PDB file of N, CA and C in Angstrom:
ATOM      1  N   MET A   1     254.161  36.117 -90.347  1.00  0.00           N
ATOM      2  CA  MET A   1     253.022  36.389 -90.264  1.00  0.00           C
ATOM      3  C   MET A   1     252.263  36.957 -91.810  1.00  0.00           C
ATOM      4  N   HIS A   2     253.041  37.076 -92.466  1.00  0.00           N
ATOM      5  CA  HIS A   2     252.909  37.237 -94.239  1.00  0.00           C
ATOM      6  C   HIS A   2     252.888  35.649 -94.334  1.00  0.00           C
ATOM      7  N   PHE A   3     254.213  34.728 -94.243  1.00  0.00           N
ATOM      8  CA  PHE A   3     254.075  33.555 -94.577  1.00  0.00           C
ATOM      9  C   PHE A   3     252.355  32.928 -94.346  1.00  0.00           C
ATOM     10  N   MET A   4     251.954  32.929 -93.293  1.00  0.00           N
ATOM     11  CA  MET A   4     250.642  32.012 -92.871  1.00  0.00           C
ATOM     12  C   MET A   4     249.476  32.620 -93.657  1.00  0.00           C
ATOM     13  N   GLU A   5     249.449  33.944 -94.340  1.00  0.00           N
ATOM     14  CA  GLU A   5     248.669  34.601 -94.744  1.00  0.00           C
ATOM     15  C   GLU A   5     248.700  33.612 -96.226  1.00  0.00           C
ATOM     16  N   GLN A   6     247.207  33.030 -96.610  1.00  0.00           N
ATOM     17  CA  GLN A   6     247.785  32.073 -97.664  1.00  0.00           C
ATOM     18  C   GLN A   6     246.913  32.845 -98.943  1.00  0.00           C
ATOM     19  N   ASN A   7     246.396  34.302 -98.654  1.00  0.00           N
ATOM     20  CA  ASN A   7     245.736  35.021 -99.700  1.00  0.00           C
ATOM     21  C   ASN A   7     246.264  35.842-100.272  1.00  0.00           C
ATOM     22  N   LEU A   8     247.465  36.189 -99.466  1.00  0.00           N
ATOM     23  CA  LEU A   8     248.375  37.561-100.449  1.00  0.00           C
ATOM     24  C   LEU A   8     249.809  36.707-100.760  1.00  0.00           C
ATOM     25  N   PRO A   9     250.390  37.263-101.899  1.00  0.00           N
ATOM     26  CA  PRO A   9     251.696  36.477-102.575  1.00  0.00           C
ATOM     27  C   PRO A   9     252.931  36.913-101.332  1.00  0.00           C
ATOM     28  N   PHE A  10     253.774  35.855-101.920  1.00  0.00           N
ATOM     29  CA  PHE A  10     255.045  35.885-100.727  1.00  0.00           C
ATOM     30  C   PHE A  10     256.398  36.792-101.483  1.00  0.00           C
ATOM     31  N   GLY A  11     256.990  37.600-101.198  1.00  0.00           N
ATOM     32  CA  GLY A  11     258.122  37.858-101.694  1.00  0.00           C
ATOM     33  C   GLY A  11     258.167  39.517-102.057  1.00  0.00           C
ATOM     34  N   GLY A  12     259.392  39.437-102.858  1.00  0.00           N
ATOM     35  CA  GLY A  12     259.286  40.683-103.189  1.00  0.00           C
ATOM     36  C   GLY A  12     259.936  40.848-104.764  1.00  0.00           C
ATOM     37  N   VAL A  13     260.269  41.893-104.893  1.00  0.00           N
ATOM     38  CA  VAL A  13     260.934  42.342-106.794  1.00  0.00           C
ATOM     39  C   VAL A  13     262.543  42.482-106.723  1.00  0.00           C
ATOM     40  N   GLY A  14     263.196  41.429-107.631  1.00  0.00           N
ATOM     41  CA  GLY A  14     264.458  42.097-107.666  1.00  0.00           C
ATOM     42  C   GLY A  14     265.199  41.256-106.537  1.00  0.00           C
ATOM     43  N   ASP A  15     266.471  41.767-105.691  1.00  0.00           N
ATOM     44  CA  ASP A  15     267.092  41.426-105.055  1.00  0.00           C
ATOM     45  C   ASP A  15     266.432  41.357-103.467  1.00  0.00           C
ATOM     46  N   SER A  16     265.413  41.695-103.337  1.00  0.00           N
ATOM     47  CA  SER A  16     264.362  41.953-102.015  1.00  0.00           C
ATOM     48  C   SER A  16     263.595  40.402-101.871  1.00  0.00           C
ATOM     49  N   GLY A  17     263.756  40.006-102.900  1.00  0.00           N
ATOM     50  CA  GLY A  17     263.022  38.465-102.721  1.00  0.00           C
ATOM     51  C   GLY A  17     262.608  37.529-103.727  1.00  0.00           C
ATOM     52  N   MET A  18     261.912  36.738-103.894  1.00  0.00           N
ATOM     53  CA  MET A  18     261.994  35.823-104.916  1.00  0.00           C
ATOM     54  C   MET A  18     260.820  36.142-105.912  1.00  0.00           C
ATOM     55  N   GLY A  19     260.167  37.449-105.519  1.00  0.00           N
ATOM     56  CA  GLY A  19     258.670  37.329-106.291  1.00  0.00           C
ATOM     57  C   GLY A  19     257.734  36.937-105.647  1.00  0.00           C
ATOM     58  N   ASN A  20     256.384  37.101-106.370  1.00  0.00           N
ATOM     59  CA  ASN A  20     255.342  36.031-105.799  1.00  0.00           C
ATOM     60  C   ASN A  20     255.115  34.410-106.146  1.00  0.00           C
ATOM     61  N   TYR A  21     256.030  33.622-105.321  1.00  0.00           N
ATOM     62  CA  TYR A  21     255.878  32.741-105.974  1.00  0.00           C
ATOM     63  C   TYR A  21     255.644  31.785-104.813  1.00  0.00           C
ATOM     64  N   HIS A  22     254.577  32.181-104.035  1.00  0.00           N
ATOM     65  CA  HIS A  22     254.295  31.530-102.961  1.00  0.00           C
ATOM     66  C   HIS A  22     252.954  31.317-103.092  1.00  0.00           C
ATOM     67  N   GLY A  23     252.271  29.860-102.940  1.00  0.00           N
ATOM     68  CA  GLY A  23     251.313  29.819-102.835  1.00  0.00           C
ATOM     69  C   GLY A  23     250.455  30.058-103.993  1.00  0.00           C
ATOM     70  N   LYS A  24     249.248  30.287-103.972  1.00  0.00           N
ATOM     71  CA  LYS A  24     248.555  30.124-105.290  1.00  0.00           C
ATOM     72  C   LYS A  24     249.159  31.324-106.379  1.00  0.00           C
ATOM     73  N   ALA A  25     249.196  32.454-106.278  1.00  0.00           N
ATOM     74  CA  ALA A  25     250.359  33.230-107.253  1.00  0.00           C
ATOM     75  C   ALA A  25     251.281  32.574-107.739  1.00  0.00           C
ATOM     76  N   GLY A  26     252.031  31.934-106.690  1.00  0.00           N
ATOM     77  CA  GLY A  26     253.158  31.409-107.607  1.00  0.00           C
ATOM     78  C   GLY A  26     252.749  30.324-108.166  1.00  0.00           C
ATOM     79  N   PHE A  27     251.960  29.641-108.097  1.00  0.00           N
ATOM     80  CA  PHE A  27     251.307  28.735-109.133  1.00  0.00           C
ATOM     81  C   PHE A  27     250.749  29.046-110.055  1.00  0.00           C
ATOM     82  N   GLU A  28     249.812  29.829-110.010  1.00  0.00           N
ATOM     83  CA  GLU A  28     249.212  30.638-111.644  1.00  0.00           C
ATOM     84  C   GLU A  28     250.928  31.419-112.200  1.00  0.00           C
ATOM     85  N   THR A  29     251.628  31.898-111.627  1.00  0.00           N
ATOM     86  CA  THR A  29     252.648  32.381-112.142  1.00  0.00           C
ATOM     87  C   THR A  29     253.250  31.158-113.435  1.00  0.00           C
ATOM     88  N   PHE A  30     253.300  30.064-113.001  1.00  0.00           N
ATOM     89  CA  PHE A  30     254.126  28.993-113.563  1.00  0.00           C
ATOM     90  C   PHE A  30     253.148  28.360-114.413  1.00  0.00           C
ATOM     91  N   SER A  31     251.711  28.462-114.554  1.00  0.00           N
ATOM     92  CA  SER A  31     250.588  27.689-114.709  1.00  0.00           C
ATOM     93  C   SER A  31     250.617  28.550-116.560  1.00  0.00           C
ATOM     94  N   HIS A  32     249.852  27.290-117.091  1.00  0.00           N
ATOM     95  CA  HIS A  32     249.483  27.664-118.258  1.00  0.00           C
ATOM     96  C   HIS A  32     248.074  27.053-118.939  1.00  0.00           C
ATOM     97  N   TYR A  33     247.288  27.973-118.792  1.00  0.00           N
ATOM     98  CA  TYR A  33     245.874  27.495-119.070  1.00  0.00           C
ATOM     99  C   TYR A  33     245.409  26.940-120.186  1.00  0.00           C
ATOM    100  N   LYS A  34     244.758  26.025-120.376  1.00  0.00           N
ATOM    101  CA  LYS A  34     244.346  25.587-121.638  1.00  0.00           C
ATOM    102  C   LYS A  34     242.886  24.638-121.441  1.00  0.00           C
ATOM    103  N   SER A  35     242.572  24.864-122.566  1.00  0.00           N
ATOM    104  CA  SER A  35     241.172  24.218-122.717  1.00  0.00           C
ATOM    105  C   SER A  35     240.544  22.710-123.056  1.00  0.00           C
ATOM    106  N   ILE A  36     240.102  21.962-122.056  1.00  0.00           N
ATOM    107  CA  ILE A  36     239.947  20.636-122.515  1.00  0.00           C
ATOM    108  C   ILE A  36     238.166  20.109-122.834  1.00  0.00           C
ATOM    109  N   LEU A  37     238.376  19.363-123.641  1.00  0.00           N
ATOM    110  CA  LEU A  37     236.906  18.502-123.851  1.00  0.00           C
ATOM    111  C   LEU A  37     236.595  17.558-123.440  1.00  0.00           C
ATOM    112  N   GLN A  38     235.250  18.038-122.680  1.00  0.00           N
ATOM    113  CA  GLN A  38     234.946  16.899-122.114  1.00  0.00           C
ATOM    114  C   GLN A  38     233.261  16.132-122.854  1.00  0.00           C
ATOM    115  N   LYS A  39     233.949  14.559-123.305  1.00  0.00           N
ATOM    116  CA  LYS A  39     232.841  14.309-124.757  1.00  0.00           C
ATOM    117  C   LYS A  39     232.285  12.884-123.627  1.00  0.00           C
ATOM    118  N   SER A  40     231.127  12.883-124.010  1.00  0.00           N
ATOM    119  CA  SER A  40     230.686  11.679-123.424  1.00  0.00           C
ATOM    120  C   SER A  40     230.660  10.574-125.203  1.00  0.00           C
ATOM    121  N   PHE A  41     231.057   9.429-124.639  1.00  0.00           N
ATOM    122  CA  PHE A  41     230.914   8.223-125.781  1.00  0.00           C
ATOM    123  C   PHE A  41     230.101   7.132-125.956  1.00  0.00           C
ATOM    124  N   LEU A  42     228.969   7.696-125.233  1.00  0.00           N
ATOM    125  CA  LEU A  42     227.963   6.764-125.126  1.00  0.00           C
ATOM    126  C   LEU A  42     227.246   6.738-126.857  1.00  0.00           C
ATOM    127  N   ILE A  43     227.024   7.848-127.389  1.00  0.00           N
ATOM    128  CA  ILE A  43     226.793   7.867-128.959  1.00  0.00           C
ATOM    129  C   ILE A  43     228.006   7.932-129.960  1.00  0.00           C
ATOM    130  N   GLU A  44     228.399   7.002-129.969  1.00  0.00           N
ATOM    131  CA  GLU A  44     229.531   7.076-131.049  1.00  0.00           C
ATOM    132  C   GLU A  44     229.445   6.372-132.506  1.00  0.00           C
ATOM    133  N   LEU A  45     229.538   7.488-133.049  1.00  0.00           N
ATOM    134  CA  LEU A  45     229.493   6.355-134.736  1.00  0.00           C
ATOM    135  C   LEU A  45     230.434   5.906-134.916  1.00  0.00           C
ATOM    136  N   ASN A  46     230.661   4.691-135.358  1.00  0.00           N
ATOM    137  CA  ASN A  46     231.608   4.199-136.135  1.00  0.00           C
ATOM    138  C   ASN A  46     232.291   4.639-137.655  1.00  0.00           C
ATOM    139  N   LEU A  47     231.373   5.175-138.127  1.00  0.00           N
ATOM    140  CA  LEU A  47     231.056   5.740-139.609  1.00  0.00           C
ATOM    141  C   LEU A  47     232.583   6.745-139.909  1.00  0.00           C
ATOM    142  N   LYS A  48     232.859   7.644-138.609  1.00  0.00           N
ATOM    143  CA  LYS A  48     233.681   8.711-138.917  1.00  0.00           C
ATOM    144  C   LYS A  48     234.960   8.524-138.987  1.00  0.00           C
ATOM    145  N   TYR A  49     235.419   7.010-138.760  1.00  0.00           N
ATOM    146  CA  TYR A  49     236.676   6.186-138.378  1.00  0.00           C
ATOM    147  C   TYR A  49     237.140   5.423-139.587  1.00  0.00           C
ATOM    148  N   SER A  50     238.198   5.503-140.012  1.00  0.00           N
ATOM    149  CA  SER A  50     238.574   4.601-140.961  1.00  0.00           C
ATOM    150  C   SER A  50     239.029   3.504-140.846  1.00  0.00           C
ATOM    151  N   PRO A  51     239.044   2.348-141.553  1.00  0.00           N
ATOM    152  CA  PRO A  51     239.048   2.495-143.045  1.00  0.00           C
ATOM    153  C   PRO A  51     237.621   2.784-143.583  1.00  0.00           C
ATOM    154  N   TYR A  52     237.439   3.640-144.485  1.00  0.00           N
ATOM    155  CA  TYR A  52     236.139   4.101-145.179  1.00  0.00           C
ATOM    156  C   TYR A  52     235.883   2.902-145.989  1.00  0.00           C
ATOM    157  N   THR A  53     235.087   1.754-145.685  1.00  0.00           N
ATOM    158  CA  THR A  53     234.456   0.715-146.767  1.00  0.00           C
ATOM    159  C   THR A  53     233.336   1.665-147.882  1.00  0.00           C
ATOM    160  N   SER A  54     233.299   0.934-148.749  1.00  0.00           N
ATOM    161  CA  SER A  54     231.770   1.493-149.826  1.00  0.00           C
ATOM    162  C   SER A  54     230.592   1.879-149.134  1.00  0.00           C
ATOM    163  N   SER A  55     230.444   0.737-148.288  1.00  0.00           N
ATOM    164  CA  SER A  55     228.960   1.249-147.231  1.00  0.00           C
ATOM    165  C   SER A  55     229.278   2.101-146.752  1.00  0.00           C
ATOM    166  N   LYS A  56     230.236   2.137-145.626  1.00  0.00           N
ATOM    167  CA  LYS A  56     230.285   3.470-144.676  1.00  0.00           C
ATOM    168  C   LYS A  56     230.154   4.574-145.568  1.00  0.00           C
ATOM    169  N   LEU A  57     231.097   4.497-147.117  1.00  0.00           N
ATOM    170  CA  LEU A  57     231.053   5.899-147.826  1.00  0.00           C
ATOM    171  C   LEU A  57     229.637   6.348-148.395  1.00  0.00           C
ATOM    172  N   LYS A  58     228.938   5.222-148.622  1.00  0.00           N
ATOM    173  CA  LYS A  58     227.220   5.405-149.032  1.00  0.00           C
ATOM    174  C   LYS A  58     226.552   6.251-147.991  1.00  0.00           C
ATOM    175  N   TRP A  59     226.628   5.958-146.842  1.00  0.00           N
ATOM    176  CA  TRP A  59     226.133   6.464-145.136  1.00  0.00           C
ATOM    177  C   TRP A  59     226.430   7.580-145.181  1.00  0.00           C
ATOM    178  N   LEU A  60     227.703   8.025-145.219  1.00  0.00           N
ATOM    179  CA  LEU A  60     228.176   9.281-144.811  1.00  0.00           C
ATOM    180  C   LEU A  60     227.650  10.534-145.956  1.00  0.00           C
ATOM    181  N   LYS A  61     227.483   9.996-147.600  1.00  0.00           N
ATOM    182  CA  LYS A  61     226.825  10.687-148.652  1.00  0.00           C
ATOM    183  C   LYS A  61     225.565  10.996-148.161  1.00  0.00           C
ATOM    184  N   ARG A  62     224.814  10.147-147.351  1.00  0.00           N
ATOM    185  CA  ARG A  62     223.387  10.090-147.099  1.00  0.00           C
ATOM    186  C   ARG A  62     223.408  10.861-146.075  1.00  0.00           C
ATOM    187  N   LEU A  63     224.148  10.774-144.794  1.00  0.00           N
ATOM    188  CA  LEU A  63     224.056  12.199-143.734  1.00  0.00           C
ATOM    189  C   LEU A  63     224.653  13.234-144.345  1.00  0.00           C
ATOM    190  N   ILE A  64     225.376  13.659-144.991  1.00  0.00           N
ATOM    191  CA  ILE A  64     225.838  14.989-145.669  1.00  0.00           C
ATOM    192  C   ILE A  64     225.201  15.393-146.053  1.00  0.00           C
ATOM    193  N   GLY A  65     224.787  14.714-147.222  1.00  0.00           N
ATOM    194  CA  GLY A  65     223.890  15.246-148.700  1.00  0.00           C
ATOM    195  C   GLY A  65     222.736  15.316-148.423  1.00  0.00           C
TER     196      GLY A  65
END
């Protein structure tokens, strides 16, 4: 019955079982969380990418300074 309950971790500690390696608890044990940035590219300025021509540098100086 314990195996059928998805909200409980499965197993024991040491020689009594494999630990909490079943279901969600096992997934979280072997997972590493990381951040993901989702960005829209609808308004993408070509100025920030190389090659930096003299006209691009002129526009960048106007925007920054």
